[in-house]
Every structure is written in structure tokens, then in C-alpha cells.
């Protein structure tokens, strides 16, 4: 009888998530400006197991200066979520393509990134989150990018049941 009254468990493989993030983007180890700026991102993903999910990311960052640096990112990442009731710590890894523009010059690069973050589940549908991603730019030799890019963002997301 109690099993009829309880709500069903919501495993990550049964959900899709969409999110919008805004925060910091920068190259803190770079020798020349610009080093710090603003980043915005969109994400969409779905669960592939009880704790694992895959999500795609689109991001845009601008590092303002006399010669601003514009960075567009598209990536795919896998995320492990340690579901602890309302607070959900996240770790993950991903692969990214970057398009950088400065003074009408355009460069394309590839990067690998690591993710550390946390989600706060407001209710079963809405969440607030914060995350930090460190990007290692593997092909930065010909572009104005430093070998290491950092983003830190606050995020709002919505979750949908797939079943």
C-alpha cells in the first residue's frame, strides 16, 4: 500500500536538462591582455545511467580590451552527478571546438576540459547551479589563446522527465 502512495524515483537516465549560464571567462596565466571577461552559455543533455549524463554546450565569451578577444565554444561533455537529495555535486570531462576572433582574424582550436560544480534542486523541475571549467587548449600555438582558459558560471536549469 505504501508503494502506491510514494512518488516514483527519478533516475538521471529518465531526464533531460536545459540550462543557461552566465559568468567569468579568462586566461589568468596569459602574459598579455585581455585576460578577463564575461561568458554566457547554453547547455542541453540527458542521462545515460543513474548518475551519468552527456550534455552539449554552446558558449560565447568576450575578453574586453582595446583589441577585444571573442571566443565561441561548442563542446560535448560527460558528467557524473553525486545525487545527495537537494545538493548535487558534479564532476566531468569534455572535448571542445573553439572559434576565436580578434581584429577580423579568425582561429580555430580544440580543447579538453574538466568540470567541477554543484546543483541545488529547487524542486523536481528547476535547479540552480554553479560550475568551474578549466580548458586546456591543445592547438593554441597559432591563436591568441593561452594554453589554459577558465570559466566560472552561475546557472539556472530546467529538467524534463523522458518517460
N, C-alpha and C. Protein backbone atom coordinates (compact mmCIF):
# COMPACT_ATOMS: atom_id res chain seq x y z
N UNK A 1 0.82 -1.19 0.00
CA UNK A 1 0.00 0.00 0.00
C UNK A 1 0.86 1.26 0.00
N UNK A 2 1.94 1.28 0.79
CA UNK A 2 2.80 2.45 0.83
C UNK A 2 3.48 2.70 -0.52
N UNK A 3 3.79 1.65 -1.24
CA UNK A 3 4.43 1.83 -2.54
C UNK A 3 3.49 2.51 -3.53
N UNK A 4 2.20 2.37 -3.36
CA UNK A 4 1.25 3.04 -4.23
C UNK A 4 1.17 4.53 -3.94
N UNK A 5 1.46 4.94 -2.71
CA UNK A 5 1.36 6.34 -2.31
C UNK A 5 2.66 7.10 -2.54
N UNK A 6 3.80 6.44 -2.60
CA UNK A 6 5.07 7.14 -2.76
C UNK A 6 5.28 7.55 -4.21
N UNK A 7 6.02 8.64 -4.39
CA UNK A 7 6.31 9.09 -5.75
C UNK A 7 7.43 8.25 -6.34
N UNK A 8 7.45 8.09 -7.66
CA UNK A 8 8.48 7.26 -8.29
C UNK A 8 9.84 7.94 -8.23
N UNK A 9 10.90 7.13 -8.17
CA UNK A 9 12.27 7.65 -8.19
C UNK A 9 12.55 8.24 -9.55
N UNK A 10 13.33 9.31 -9.59
CA UNK A 10 13.65 9.98 -10.84
C UNK A 10 15.13 9.80 -11.13
N UNK A 11 15.48 8.75 -11.80
CA UNK A 11 16.87 8.48 -12.15
C UNK A 11 17.30 9.39 -13.29
N UNK A 12 18.58 9.68 -13.34
CA UNK A 12 19.10 10.60 -14.36
C UNK A 12 18.89 10.10 -15.78
N UNK A 13 18.85 8.79 -15.97
CA UNK A 13 18.65 8.29 -17.33
C UNK A 13 17.25 8.57 -17.85
N UNK A 14 16.35 8.99 -16.99
CA UNK A 14 14.98 9.28 -17.39
C UNK A 14 14.72 10.77 -17.53
N UNK A 15 15.78 11.61 -17.56
CA UNK A 15 15.58 13.05 -17.58
C UNK A 15 16.46 13.74 -18.61
N UNK A 16 15.95 14.86 -19.13
CA UNK A 16 16.72 15.77 -19.96
C UNK A 16 16.81 17.10 -19.22
N UNK A 17 17.90 17.82 -19.41
CA UNK A 17 18.11 19.08 -18.73
C UNK A 17 18.53 20.15 -19.74
N UNK A 18 17.96 21.35 -19.59
CA UNK A 18 18.35 22.51 -20.38
C UNK A 18 18.78 23.60 -19.41
N UNK A 19 19.86 24.30 -19.74
CA UNK A 19 20.35 25.32 -18.83
C UNK A 19 20.90 26.55 -19.54
N UNK A 20 20.92 27.65 -18.80
CA UNK A 20 21.50 28.92 -19.24
C UNK A 20 22.45 29.36 -18.14
N UNK A 21 23.67 29.77 -18.54
CA UNK A 21 24.68 30.16 -17.56
C UNK A 21 25.30 31.50 -17.94
N UNK A 22 25.73 32.25 -16.95
CA UNK A 22 26.46 33.49 -17.16
C UNK A 22 27.55 33.58 -16.09
N UNK A 23 28.72 34.10 -16.49
CA UNK A 23 29.79 34.19 -15.51
C UNK A 23 31.08 34.75 -16.09
N UNK A 24 32.17 34.29 -15.55
CA UNK A 24 33.52 34.75 -15.85
C UNK A 24 34.17 33.86 -16.90
N UNK A 25 34.94 34.47 -17.79
CA UNK A 25 35.82 33.74 -18.71
C UNK A 25 37.16 34.46 -18.71
N UNK A 26 38.23 33.69 -18.69
CA UNK A 26 39.51 34.36 -18.71
C UNK A 26 40.67 33.43 -18.96
N UNK A 27 41.80 34.07 -19.16
CA UNK A 27 43.07 33.39 -19.32
C UNK A 27 43.99 33.94 -18.23
N UNK A 28 43.84 33.48 -17.01
CA UNK A 28 44.54 34.09 -15.87
C UNK A 28 46.06 33.97 -15.94
N UNK A 29 46.59 33.04 -16.71
CA UNK A 29 48.04 32.87 -16.81
C UNK A 29 48.64 33.60 -18.00
N UNK A 30 47.81 34.26 -18.81
CA UNK A 30 48.30 34.92 -20.02
C UNK A 30 49.21 36.10 -19.67
N UNK A 31 50.22 36.32 -20.52
CA UNK A 31 51.17 37.41 -20.30
C UNK A 31 50.66 38.74 -20.81
N UNK A 32 49.78 38.73 -21.81
CA UNK A 32 49.31 39.97 -22.41
C UNK A 32 47.80 40.07 -22.26
N UNK A 33 47.28 41.30 -22.16
CA UNK A 33 45.83 41.48 -22.09
C UNK A 33 45.20 41.17 -23.43
N UNK A 34 43.91 40.93 -23.48
CA UNK A 34 42.99 40.87 -22.35
C UNK A 34 43.07 39.52 -21.65
N UNK A 35 42.86 39.54 -20.36
CA UNK A 35 42.94 38.29 -19.59
C UNK A 35 41.62 37.90 -18.95
N UNK A 36 40.70 38.85 -18.76
CA UNK A 36 39.47 38.58 -18.03
C UNK A 36 38.27 39.11 -18.80
N UNK A 37 37.14 38.38 -18.71
CA UNK A 37 35.95 38.82 -19.41
C UNK A 37 34.70 38.13 -18.93
N UNK A 38 33.70 38.11 -19.78
CA UNK A 38 32.37 37.59 -19.47
C UNK A 38 32.07 36.41 -20.39
N UNK A 39 31.33 35.43 -19.86
CA UNK A 39 30.96 34.24 -20.61
C UNK A 39 29.47 33.97 -20.43
N UNK A 40 28.81 33.57 -21.51
CA UNK A 40 27.43 33.09 -21.45
C UNK A 40 27.39 31.73 -22.14
N UNK A 41 26.49 30.86 -21.69
CA UNK A 41 26.46 29.51 -22.26
C UNK A 41 25.05 28.93 -22.19
N UNK A 42 24.79 28.03 -23.12
CA UNK A 42 23.58 27.21 -23.15
C UNK A 42 24.00 25.75 -23.07
N UNK A 43 23.21 24.94 -22.38
CA UNK A 43 23.52 23.51 -22.29
C UNK A 43 22.24 22.71 -22.43
N UNK A 44 22.40 21.51 -22.97
CA UNK A 44 21.29 20.56 -23.09
C UNK A 44 21.87 19.17 -22.97
N UNK A 45 21.23 18.32 -22.19
CA UNK A 45 21.75 16.98 -22.02
C UNK A 45 20.71 16.01 -21.54
N UNK A 46 21.16 14.77 -21.44
CA UNK A 46 20.28 13.71 -20.96
C UNK A 46 21.07 12.66 -20.22
N UNK A 47 20.40 11.97 -19.33
CA UNK A 47 21.03 10.92 -18.54
C UNK A 47 21.30 9.67 -19.34
N UNK A 48 22.41 9.02 -19.04
CA UNK A 48 22.75 7.73 -19.68
C UNK A 48 22.94 6.64 -18.63
N UNK A 49 22.63 6.94 -17.40
CA UNK A 49 22.73 5.99 -16.30
C UNK A 49 22.21 6.65 -15.04
N UNK A 50 22.27 5.96 -13.92
CA UNK A 50 21.77 6.51 -12.66
C UNK A 50 22.45 7.82 -12.29
N UNK A 51 23.74 7.95 -12.56
CA UNK A 51 24.48 9.14 -12.17
C UNK A 51 25.20 9.82 -13.33
N UNK A 52 25.24 9.21 -14.51
CA UNK A 52 25.99 9.74 -15.64
C UNK A 52 25.07 10.41 -16.63
N UNK A 53 25.55 11.50 -17.22
CA UNK A 53 24.81 12.16 -18.29
C UNK A 53 25.79 12.68 -19.33
N UNK A 54 25.27 12.97 -20.50
CA UNK A 54 26.04 13.60 -21.57
C UNK A 54 25.31 14.89 -21.90
N UNK A 55 26.09 15.96 -22.06
CA UNK A 55 25.46 17.22 -22.44
C UNK A 55 26.30 17.98 -23.44
N UNK A 56 25.60 18.71 -24.29
CA UNK A 56 26.23 19.58 -25.25
C UNK A 56 26.21 21.00 -24.71
N UNK A 57 27.24 21.76 -25.08
CA UNK A 57 27.37 23.13 -24.60
C UNK A 57 27.67 24.06 -25.77
N UNK A 58 27.06 25.23 -25.76
CA UNK A 58 27.40 26.32 -26.67
C UNK A 58 27.72 27.52 -25.79
N UNK A 59 28.85 28.15 -26.03
CA UNK A 59 29.23 29.28 -25.20
C UNK A 59 29.86 30.40 -26.01
N UNK A 60 29.80 31.60 -25.44
CA UNK A 60 30.42 32.76 -26.05
C UNK A 60 31.03 33.59 -24.93
N UNK A 61 32.29 33.94 -25.11
CA UNK A 61 32.97 34.79 -24.15
C UNK A 61 33.62 35.96 -24.85
N UNK A 62 33.66 37.08 -24.19
CA UNK A 62 34.37 38.25 -24.70
C UNK A 62 35.30 38.74 -23.62
N UNK A 63 36.55 38.94 -23.99
CA UNK A 63 37.56 39.49 -23.10
C UNK A 63 37.85 40.90 -23.61
N UNK A 64 37.25 41.94 -22.97
CA UNK A 64 37.32 43.29 -23.49
C UNK A 64 38.71 43.92 -23.30
N UNK A 65 39.07 44.76 -24.27
CA UNK A 65 40.34 45.46 -24.27
C UNK A 65 40.31 46.42 -25.45
N UNK A 66 41.42 47.10 -25.73
CA UNK A 66 41.49 47.91 -26.95
C UNK A 66 41.27 47.05 -28.18
N UNK A 67 41.73 45.82 -28.09
CA UNK A 67 41.54 44.82 -29.14
C UNK A 67 40.82 43.62 -28.51
N UNK A 68 39.49 43.67 -28.37
CA UNK A 68 38.78 42.59 -27.66
C UNK A 68 38.97 41.23 -28.33
N UNK A 69 38.92 40.22 -27.50
CA UNK A 69 39.05 38.84 -27.95
C UNK A 69 37.70 38.16 -27.76
N UNK A 70 37.15 37.60 -28.83
CA UNK A 70 35.86 36.91 -28.80
C UNK A 70 36.12 35.42 -28.95
N UNK A 71 35.53 34.62 -28.05
CA UNK A 71 35.73 33.17 -28.06
C UNK A 71 34.37 32.49 -28.10
N UNK A 72 34.13 31.71 -29.14
CA UNK A 72 32.92 30.89 -29.21
C UNK A 72 33.32 29.44 -28.99
N UNK A 73 32.52 28.72 -28.20
CA UNK A 73 32.83 27.32 -27.89
C UNK A 73 31.63 26.45 -28.19
N UNK A 74 31.91 25.25 -28.68
CA UNK A 74 30.91 24.21 -28.82
C UNK A 74 31.56 22.94 -28.28
N UNK A 75 30.89 22.27 -27.36
CA UNK A 75 31.51 21.11 -26.75
C UNK A 75 30.53 20.03 -26.35
N UNK A 76 31.10 18.91 -26.03
CA UNK A 76 30.36 17.75 -25.56
C UNK A 76 31.07 17.24 -24.31
N UNK A 77 30.30 16.97 -23.26
CA UNK A 77 30.92 16.52 -22.02
C UNK A 77 30.11 15.41 -21.38
N UNK A 78 30.80 14.61 -20.59
CA UNK A 78 30.14 13.61 -19.77
C UNK A 78 30.26 14.07 -18.32
N UNK A 79 29.17 13.93 -17.58
CA UNK A 79 29.10 14.46 -16.22
C UNK A 79 28.66 13.35 -15.27
N UNK A 80 29.35 13.26 -14.14
CA UNK A 80 28.96 12.35 -13.07
C UNK A 80 28.33 13.20 -11.96
N UNK A 81 27.10 12.90 -11.59
CA UNK A 81 26.37 13.64 -10.58
C UNK A 81 26.19 12.76 -9.35
N UNK A 82 26.71 13.22 -8.22
CA UNK A 82 26.57 12.52 -6.95
C UNK A 82 25.32 13.06 -6.28
N UNK A 83 24.19 12.43 -6.57
CA UNK A 83 22.88 12.92 -6.14
C UNK A 83 22.72 12.77 -4.63
N UNK A 84 22.76 13.91 -3.92
CA UNK A 84 22.58 13.92 -2.47
C UNK A 84 21.37 14.80 -2.18
N UNK A 85 20.21 14.26 -2.31
CA UNK A 85 18.94 14.92 -2.07
C UNK A 85 18.86 16.22 -2.87
N UNK A 86 19.05 17.40 -2.27
CA UNK A 86 18.88 18.68 -2.97
C UNK A 86 20.18 19.25 -3.51
N UNK A 87 21.32 18.91 -2.90
CA UNK A 87 22.62 19.37 -3.39
C UNK A 87 23.26 18.24 -4.19
N UNK A 88 23.66 18.53 -5.41
CA UNK A 88 24.19 17.51 -6.31
C UNK A 88 25.58 17.95 -6.80
N UNK A 89 26.65 17.44 -6.19
CA UNK A 89 28.00 17.73 -6.71
C UNK A 89 28.19 17.10 -8.09
N UNK A 90 28.93 17.79 -8.95
CA UNK A 90 29.16 17.35 -10.32
C UNK A 90 30.65 17.34 -10.64
N UNK A 91 31.09 16.34 -11.38
CA UNK A 91 32.41 16.35 -11.98
C UNK A 91 32.25 15.86 -13.41
N UNK A 92 33.14 16.31 -14.28
CA UNK A 92 33.01 15.89 -15.66
C UNK A 92 34.22 16.24 -16.50
N UNK A 93 34.20 15.73 -17.73
CA UNK A 93 35.26 15.95 -18.69
C UNK A 93 34.64 16.13 -20.07
N UNK A 94 35.30 16.90 -20.94
CA UNK A 94 34.73 17.11 -22.25
C UNK A 94 35.73 17.50 -23.31
N UNK A 95 35.24 17.59 -24.52
CA UNK A 95 36.00 17.95 -25.71
C UNK A 95 35.30 19.14 -26.36
N UNK A 96 36.09 20.14 -26.81
CA UNK A 96 35.51 21.37 -27.31
C UNK A 96 36.18 21.84 -28.60
N UNK A 97 35.40 22.51 -29.43
CA UNK A 97 35.91 23.26 -30.56
C UNK A 97 35.76 24.73 -30.24
N UNK A 98 36.81 25.52 -30.51
CA UNK A 98 36.80 26.94 -30.19
C UNK A 98 37.02 27.74 -31.47
N UNK A 99 36.31 28.84 -31.58
CA UNK A 99 36.49 29.78 -32.67
C UNK A 99 36.81 31.13 -32.03
N UNK A 100 37.99 31.66 -32.33
CA UNK A 100 38.45 32.90 -31.72
C UNK A 100 38.55 33.98 -32.78
N UNK A 101 38.07 35.19 -32.44
CA UNK A 101 38.11 36.31 -33.37
C UNK A 101 38.72 37.51 -32.66
N UNK A 102 39.69 38.15 -33.36
CA UNK A 102 40.27 39.40 -32.90
C UNK A 102 40.69 40.19 -34.14
N UNK A 103 40.24 41.42 -34.24
CA UNK A 103 40.60 42.29 -35.37
C UNK A 103 40.35 41.63 -36.72
N UNK A 104 39.22 40.98 -36.87
CA UNK A 104 38.83 40.29 -38.11
C UNK A 104 39.72 39.09 -38.46
N UNK A 105 40.63 38.71 -37.59
CA UNK A 105 41.39 37.48 -37.75
C UNK A 105 40.66 36.37 -37.01
N UNK A 106 40.59 35.19 -37.62
CA UNK A 106 39.83 34.07 -37.06
C UNK A 106 40.75 32.86 -36.89
N UNK A 107 40.64 32.20 -35.74
CA UNK A 107 41.41 31.00 -35.46
C UNK A 107 40.47 29.91 -34.97
N UNK A 108 40.78 28.66 -35.30
CA UNK A 108 40.05 27.51 -34.79
C UNK A 108 40.97 26.67 -33.94
N UNK A 109 40.48 26.22 -32.81
CA UNK A 109 41.27 25.42 -31.88
C UNK A 109 40.42 24.30 -31.30
N UNK A 110 41.10 23.31 -30.73
CA UNK A 110 40.46 22.24 -29.97
C UNK A 110 40.93 22.31 -28.53
N UNK A 111 40.05 21.92 -27.61
CA UNK A 111 40.39 21.94 -26.20
C UNK A 111 39.77 20.75 -25.49
N UNK A 112 40.38 20.38 -24.39
CA UNK A 112 39.83 19.41 -23.44
C UNK A 112 39.51 20.18 -22.17
N UNK A 113 38.44 19.77 -21.48
CA UNK A 113 38.14 20.49 -20.24
C UNK A 113 37.73 19.54 -19.12
N UNK A 114 37.91 20.05 -17.91
CA UNK A 114 37.45 19.37 -16.70
C UNK A 114 36.42 20.28 -16.04
N UNK A 115 35.43 19.67 -15.42
CA UNK A 115 34.31 20.39 -14.79
C UNK A 115 34.20 19.99 -13.33
N UNK A 116 33.97 20.99 -12.48
CA UNK A 116 33.61 20.79 -11.08
C UNK A 116 32.45 21.74 -10.80
N UNK A 117 31.38 21.22 -10.22
CA UNK A 117 30.24 22.09 -9.96
C UNK A 117 29.29 21.51 -8.94
N UNK A 118 28.22 22.23 -8.72
CA UNK A 118 27.18 21.78 -7.81
C UNK A 118 25.84 22.32 -8.31
N UNK A 119 24.81 21.49 -8.19
CA UNK A 119 23.44 21.90 -8.48
C UNK A 119 22.65 21.90 -7.18
N UNK A 120 21.75 22.86 -7.05
CA UNK A 120 20.80 22.89 -5.95
C UNK A 120 19.43 22.70 -6.58
N UNK A 121 18.77 21.61 -6.23
CA UNK A 121 17.46 21.28 -6.80
C UNK A 121 16.37 22.05 -6.04
N UNK A 122 15.84 23.07 -6.67
CA UNK A 122 14.77 23.87 -6.06
C UNK A 122 13.53 23.01 -5.87
N UNK A 123 13.20 22.26 -6.91
CA UNK A 123 12.10 21.30 -6.90
C UNK A 123 12.44 20.26 -7.97
N UNK A 124 11.59 19.29 -8.24
CA UNK A 124 11.93 18.27 -9.23
C UNK A 124 12.16 18.81 -10.65
N UNK A 125 11.70 20.01 -10.95
CA UNK A 125 11.86 20.56 -12.30
C UNK A 125 12.98 21.59 -12.41
N UNK A 126 13.14 22.49 -11.45
CA UNK A 126 14.07 23.62 -11.55
C UNK A 126 15.31 23.43 -10.68
N UNK A 127 16.43 23.94 -11.18
CA UNK A 127 17.67 23.88 -10.42
C UNK A 127 18.48 25.15 -10.60
N UNK A 128 19.27 25.45 -9.59
CA UNK A 128 20.28 26.50 -9.65
C UNK A 128 21.62 25.81 -9.53
N UNK A 129 22.61 26.28 -10.27
CA UNK A 129 23.90 25.62 -10.22
C UNK A 129 25.04 26.60 -10.35
N UNK A 130 26.21 26.11 -10.03
CA UNK A 130 27.46 26.85 -10.21
C UNK A 130 28.50 25.85 -10.67
N UNK A 131 29.35 26.27 -11.60
CA UNK A 131 30.38 25.36 -12.06
C UNK A 131 31.62 26.12 -12.49
N UNK A 132 32.73 25.39 -12.48
CA UNK A 132 34.02 25.90 -12.94
C UNK A 132 34.55 24.90 -13.95
N UNK A 133 34.99 25.41 -15.11
CA UNK A 133 35.59 24.57 -16.13
C UNK A 133 36.98 25.09 -16.44
N UNK A 134 37.93 24.20 -16.46
CA UNK A 134 39.28 24.52 -16.88
C UNK A 134 39.53 23.89 -18.23
N UNK A 135 39.90 24.70 -19.23
CA UNK A 135 40.11 24.24 -20.60
C UNK A 135 41.61 24.21 -20.90
N UNK A 136 42.08 23.11 -21.42
CA UNK A 136 43.43 23.02 -21.94
C UNK A 136 43.31 23.11 -23.46
N UNK A 137 43.82 24.20 -24.02
CA UNK A 137 43.74 24.45 -25.45
C UNK A 137 44.91 23.75 -26.12
N UNK A 138 44.62 22.63 -26.76
CA UNK A 138 45.67 21.78 -27.31
C UNK A 138 46.33 22.38 -28.54
N UNK A 139 45.65 23.27 -29.25
CA UNK A 139 46.17 23.80 -30.53
C UNK A 139 46.37 25.30 -30.47
N UNK A 140 46.78 25.85 -29.34
CA UNK A 140 46.84 27.30 -29.15
C UNK A 140 48.05 27.98 -29.78
N UNK A 141 48.99 27.25 -30.38
CA UNK A 141 50.25 27.82 -30.85
C UNK A 141 50.06 28.95 -31.86
N UNK A 142 49.07 28.86 -32.73
CA UNK A 142 48.89 29.89 -33.76
C UNK A 142 47.80 30.89 -33.42
N UNK A 143 47.06 30.69 -32.36
CA UNK A 143 45.97 31.60 -32.00
C UNK A 143 46.41 32.48 -30.83
N UNK A 144 45.62 33.52 -30.53
CA UNK A 144 45.96 34.40 -29.40
C UNK A 144 45.57 33.81 -28.04
N UNK A 145 45.09 32.58 -28.03
CA UNK A 145 44.67 31.96 -26.77
C UNK A 145 45.86 31.44 -25.98
N UNK A 146 45.75 31.54 -24.68
CA UNK A 146 46.70 30.91 -23.80
C UNK A 146 46.39 29.42 -23.76
N UNK A 147 47.30 28.63 -23.26
CA UNK A 147 47.08 27.17 -23.19
C UNK A 147 46.00 26.81 -22.17
N UNK A 148 45.65 27.73 -21.26
CA UNK A 148 44.67 27.44 -20.22
C UNK A 148 43.62 28.54 -20.19
N UNK A 149 42.35 28.14 -20.30
CA UNK A 149 41.21 29.06 -20.19
C UNK A 149 40.36 28.58 -19.02
N UNK A 150 39.82 29.53 -18.28
CA UNK A 150 38.99 29.21 -17.12
C UNK A 150 37.64 29.89 -17.28
N UNK A 151 36.56 29.16 -16.98
CA UNK A 151 35.23 29.76 -16.88
C UNK A 151 34.64 29.40 -15.53
N UNK A 152 33.89 30.31 -14.97
CA UNK A 152 33.16 30.08 -13.72
C UNK A 152 31.79 30.72 -13.91
N UNK A 153 30.73 29.97 -13.69
CA UNK A 153 29.41 30.48 -14.03
C UNK A 153 28.35 30.08 -13.02
N UNK A 154 27.32 30.91 -12.95
CA UNK A 154 26.08 30.58 -12.24
C UNK A 154 25.08 30.16 -13.30
N UNK A 155 24.26 29.18 -12.97
CA UNK A 155 23.40 28.56 -13.97
C UNK A 155 22.00 28.35 -13.42
N UNK A 156 21.02 28.46 -14.30
CA UNK A 156 19.65 28.06 -13.99
C UNK A 156 19.27 26.99 -15.01
N UNK A 157 18.59 25.96 -14.54
CA UNK A 157 18.24 24.87 -15.44
C UNK A 157 16.85 24.35 -15.18
N UNK A 158 16.33 23.67 -16.19
CA UNK A 158 15.02 23.04 -16.08
C UNK A 158 15.18 21.59 -16.52
N UNK A 159 14.52 20.69 -15.77
CA UNK A 159 14.62 19.25 -16.06
C UNK A 159 13.26 18.74 -16.52
N UNK A 160 13.31 17.79 -17.45
CA UNK A 160 12.10 17.18 -18.00
C UNK A 160 12.20 15.68 -17.89
N UNK A 161 11.12 15.05 -17.49
CA UNK A 161 11.07 13.58 -17.48
C UNK A 161 10.91 13.08 -18.91
N UNK A 162 11.68 12.06 -19.25
CA UNK A 162 11.60 11.49 -20.58
C UNK A 162 10.61 10.34 -20.66
N UNK A 163 10.15 9.86 -19.53
CA UNK A 163 9.17 8.77 -19.51
C UNK A 163 7.88 9.22 -18.92
